Amino acid sequence: MQTLRSSELESWLAIQSAKIKALIEVRIFRIDNYDHFGDAKHLGDGLSELRWKNGLRVYFARVGSRAVLLLNGGGKNDQKKDIKKARLLLGKYTSS
């Protein structure tokens, strides 16, 4: 599986702590190398989220049969706002 990252995800990652970045990079490594998503939930309309027990979320969509587009991230407390943003980004990236 190939993971692609949106510029919005990269901006969000840039302001996270080293610990959060490491958690996310390990999960991406597992997706890339083993097609293992871990705790993930489908949110409908092609959008899904990677979940961590600490409330961390990364929103993604499958693009094609062997690629995943990581859209944005956030926490459990801002989940509604983050899902809305992820849906807008999904439309932005898949309409072109």
C-alpha atoms as a PDB file:
ATOM      1  CA  MET A   1       0.000   0.000   0.000  1.00  0.00           C
ATOM      2  CA  GLN A   2       1.278   3.477  -0.801  1.00  0.00           C
ATOM      3  CA  THR A   3       0.426   6.399   1.474  1.00  0.00           C
ATOM      4  CA  LEU A   4       0.142   9.900   0.088  1.00  0.00           C
ATOM      5  CA  ARG A   5       0.044  12.939   2.369  1.00  0.00           C
ATOM      6  CA  SER A   6      -1.906  16.129   1.826  1.00  0.00           C
ATOM      7  CA  SER A   7      -0.222  19.456   2.484  1.00  0.00           C
ATOM      8  CA  GLU A   8      -2.802  20.006   5.239  1.00  0.00           C
ATOM      9  CA  LEU A   9      -1.674  16.838   7.017  1.00  0.00           C
ATOM     10  CA  GLU A  10       1.975  17.884   6.681  1.00  0.00           C
ATOM     11  CA  SER A  11       1.181  21.299   8.201  1.00  0.00           C
ATOM     12  CA  TRP A  12      -0.683  19.675  11.084  1.00  0.00           C
ATOM     13  CA  LEU A  13       2.135  17.175  11.679  1.00  0.00           C
ATOM     14  CA  ALA A  14       4.707  19.974  11.777  1.00  0.00           C
ATOM     15  CA  ILE A  15       3.197  21.403  14.964  1.00  0.00           C
ATOM     16  CA  GLN A  16       2.834  18.076  16.794  1.00  0.00           C
ATOM     17  CA  SER A  17       5.190  16.782  19.481  1.00  0.00           C
ATOM     18  CA  ALA A  18       7.889  14.264  18.635  1.00  0.00           C
ATOM     19  CA  LYS A  19       5.879  11.560  20.437  1.00  0.00           C
ATOM     20  CA  ILE A  20       2.752  12.186  18.341  1.00  0.00           C
ATOM     21  CA  LYS A  21       4.806  12.285  15.137  1.00  0.00           C
ATOM     22  CA  ALA A  22       6.404   8.956  16.050  1.00  0.00           C
ATOM     23  CA  LEU A  23       3.012   7.321  16.717  1.00  0.00           C
ATOM     24  CA  ILE A  24       1.762   8.444  13.328  1.00  0.00           C
ATOM     25  CA  GLU A  25       4.921   7.489  11.439  1.00  0.00           C
ATOM     26  CA  VAL A  26       4.854   3.968  12.918  1.00  0.00           C
ATOM     27  CA  ARG A  27       1.237   3.515  11.795  1.00  0.00           C
ATOM     28  CA  ILE A  28       2.060   4.811   8.303  1.00  0.00           C
ATOM     29  CA  PHE A  29       5.010   2.394   8.139  1.00  0.00           C
ATOM     30  CA  ARG A  30       2.664  -0.506   8.947  1.00  0.00           C
ATOM     31  CA  ILE A  31       0.210   0.605   6.275  1.00  0.00           C
ATOM     32  CA  ASP A  32       2.959   1.017   3.666  1.00  0.00           C
ATOM     33  CA  ASN A  33       4.696  -2.274   4.383  1.00  0.00           C
ATOM     34  CA  TYR A  34       2.032  -4.633   5.704  1.00  0.00           C
ATOM     35  CA  ASP A  35      -1.337  -3.146   4.616  1.00  0.00           C
ATOM     36  CA  HIS A  36      -2.159  -3.105   8.346  1.00  0.00           C
ATOM     37  CA  PHE A  37      -4.293  -0.137   9.394  1.00  0.00           C
ATOM     38  CA  GLY A  38      -4.765  -1.027  13.051  1.00  0.00           C
ATOM     39  CA  ASP A  39      -7.731   0.652  14.737  1.00  0.00           C
ATOM     40  CA  ALA A  40      -9.556   2.303  11.847  1.00  0.00           C
ATOM     41  CA  LYS A  41     -13.189   3.230  11.331  1.00  0.00           C
ATOM     42  CA  HIS A  42     -15.125   3.930   8.134  1.00  0.00           C
ATOM     43  CA  LEU A  43     -17.026   7.219   8.331  1.00  0.00           C
ATOM     44  CA  GLY A  44     -18.951   6.903   5.053  1.00  0.00           C
ATOM     45  CA  ASP A  45     -18.600   8.506   1.626  1.00  0.00           C
ATOM     46  CA  GLY A  46     -15.082   7.122   1.207  1.00  0.00           C
ATOM     47  CA  LEU A  47     -13.712   8.732   4.378  1.00  0.00           C
ATOM     48  CA  SER A  48     -12.118   6.754   7.219  1.00  0.00           C
ATOM     49  CA  GLU A  49     -10.118   7.513  10.338  1.00  0.00           C
ATOM     50  CA  LEU A  50      -7.112   5.988  12.027  1.00  0.00           C
ATOM     51  CA  ARG A  51      -7.694   6.006  15.786  1.00  0.00           C
ATOM     52  CA  TRP A  52      -5.445   5.915  18.819  1.00  0.00           C
ATOM     53  CA  LYS A  53      -6.473   5.352  22.449  1.00  0.00           C
ATOM     54  CA  ASN A  54      -5.191   8.798  23.436  1.00  0.00           C
ATOM     55  CA  GLY A  55      -7.838  10.402  21.170  1.00  0.00           C
ATOM     56  CA  LEU A  56      -5.548  11.108  18.237  1.00  0.00           C
ATOM     57  CA  ARG A  57      -7.181  10.818  14.805  1.00  0.00           C
ATOM     58  CA  VAL A  58      -5.858  10.871  11.228  1.00  0.00           C
ATOM     59  CA  TYR A  59      -8.451  11.008   8.446  1.00  0.00           C
ATOM     60  CA  PHE A  60      -7.845   9.224   5.167  1.00  0.00           C
ATOM     61  CA  ALA A  61      -9.404   7.926   1.976  1.00  0.00           C
ATOM     62  CA  ARG A  62      -8.452   5.089  -0.327  1.00  0.00           C
ATOM     63  CA  VAL A  63      -7.511   6.253  -3.806  1.00  0.00           C
ATOM     64  CA  GLY A  64      -7.294   3.405  -6.243  1.00  0.00           C
ATOM     65  CA  SER A  65      -6.649  -0.133  -5.129  1.00  0.00           C
ATOM     66  CA  ARG A  66      -3.137   0.359  -3.701  1.00  0.00           C
ATOM     67  CA  ALA A  67      -3.012   3.908  -2.343  1.00  0.00           C
ATOM     68  CA  VAL A  68      -4.274   5.840   0.661  1.00  0.00           C
ATOM     69  CA  LEU A  69      -4.493   9.630   0.894  1.00  0.00           C
ATOM     70  CA  LEU A  70      -3.913  10.962   4.420  1.00  0.00           C
ATOM     71  CA  LEU A  71      -5.996  14.129   4.601  1.00  0.00           C
ATOM     72  CA  ASN A  72      -5.675  15.737   8.039  1.00  0.00           C
ATOM     73  CA  GLY A  73      -5.413  14.976  11.714  1.00  0.00           C
ATOM     74  CA  GLY A  74      -6.790  16.034  15.025  1.00  0.00           C
ATOM     75  CA  GLY A  75      -8.030  14.930  18.399  1.00  0.00           C
ATOM     76  CA  LYS A  76     -11.175  13.399  19.786  1.00  0.00           C
ATOM     77  CA  ASN A  77     -12.362  16.753  21.171  1.00  0.00           C
ATOM     78  CA  ASP A  78     -12.399  18.422  17.732  1.00  0.00           C
ATOM     79  CA  GLN A  79     -13.637  15.373  15.852  1.00  0.00           C
ATOM     80  CA  LYS A  80     -16.766  16.926  14.270  1.00  0.00           C
ATOM     81  CA  LYS A  81     -14.817  19.904  12.933  1.00  0.00           C
ATOM     82  CA  ASP A  82     -11.956  17.695  11.737  1.00  0.00           C
ATOM     83  CA  ILE A  83     -14.305  15.285   9.928  1.00  0.00           C
ATOM     84  CA  LYS A  84     -15.991  18.218   8.175  1.00  0.00           C
ATOM     85  CA  LYS A  85     -12.585  19.521   7.071  1.00  0.00           C
ATOM     86  CA  ALA A  86     -11.530  16.026   5.917  1.00  0.00           C
ATOM     87  CA  ARG A  87     -14.661  15.742   3.768  1.00  0.00           C
ATOM     88  CA  LEU A  88     -13.893  19.105   2.144  1.00  0.00           C
ATOM     89  CA  LEU A  89     -10.296  18.038   1.514  1.00  0.00           C
ATOM     90  CA  LEU A  90     -11.448  14.731   0.068  1.00  0.00           C
ATOM     91  CA  GLY A  91     -13.606  16.652  -2.411  1.00  0.00           C
ATOM     92  CA  LYS A  92     -10.714  18.979  -3.214  1.00  0.00           C
ATOM     93  CA  TYR A  93      -8.217  16.192  -3.892  1.00  0.00           C
ATOM     94  CA  THR A  94     -10.526  13.785  -5.696  1.00  0.00           C
ATOM     95  CA  SER A  95     -12.198  16.334  -7.994  1.00  0.00           C
ATOM     96  CA  SER A  96      -8.974  17.177  -9.808  1.00  0.00           C
END
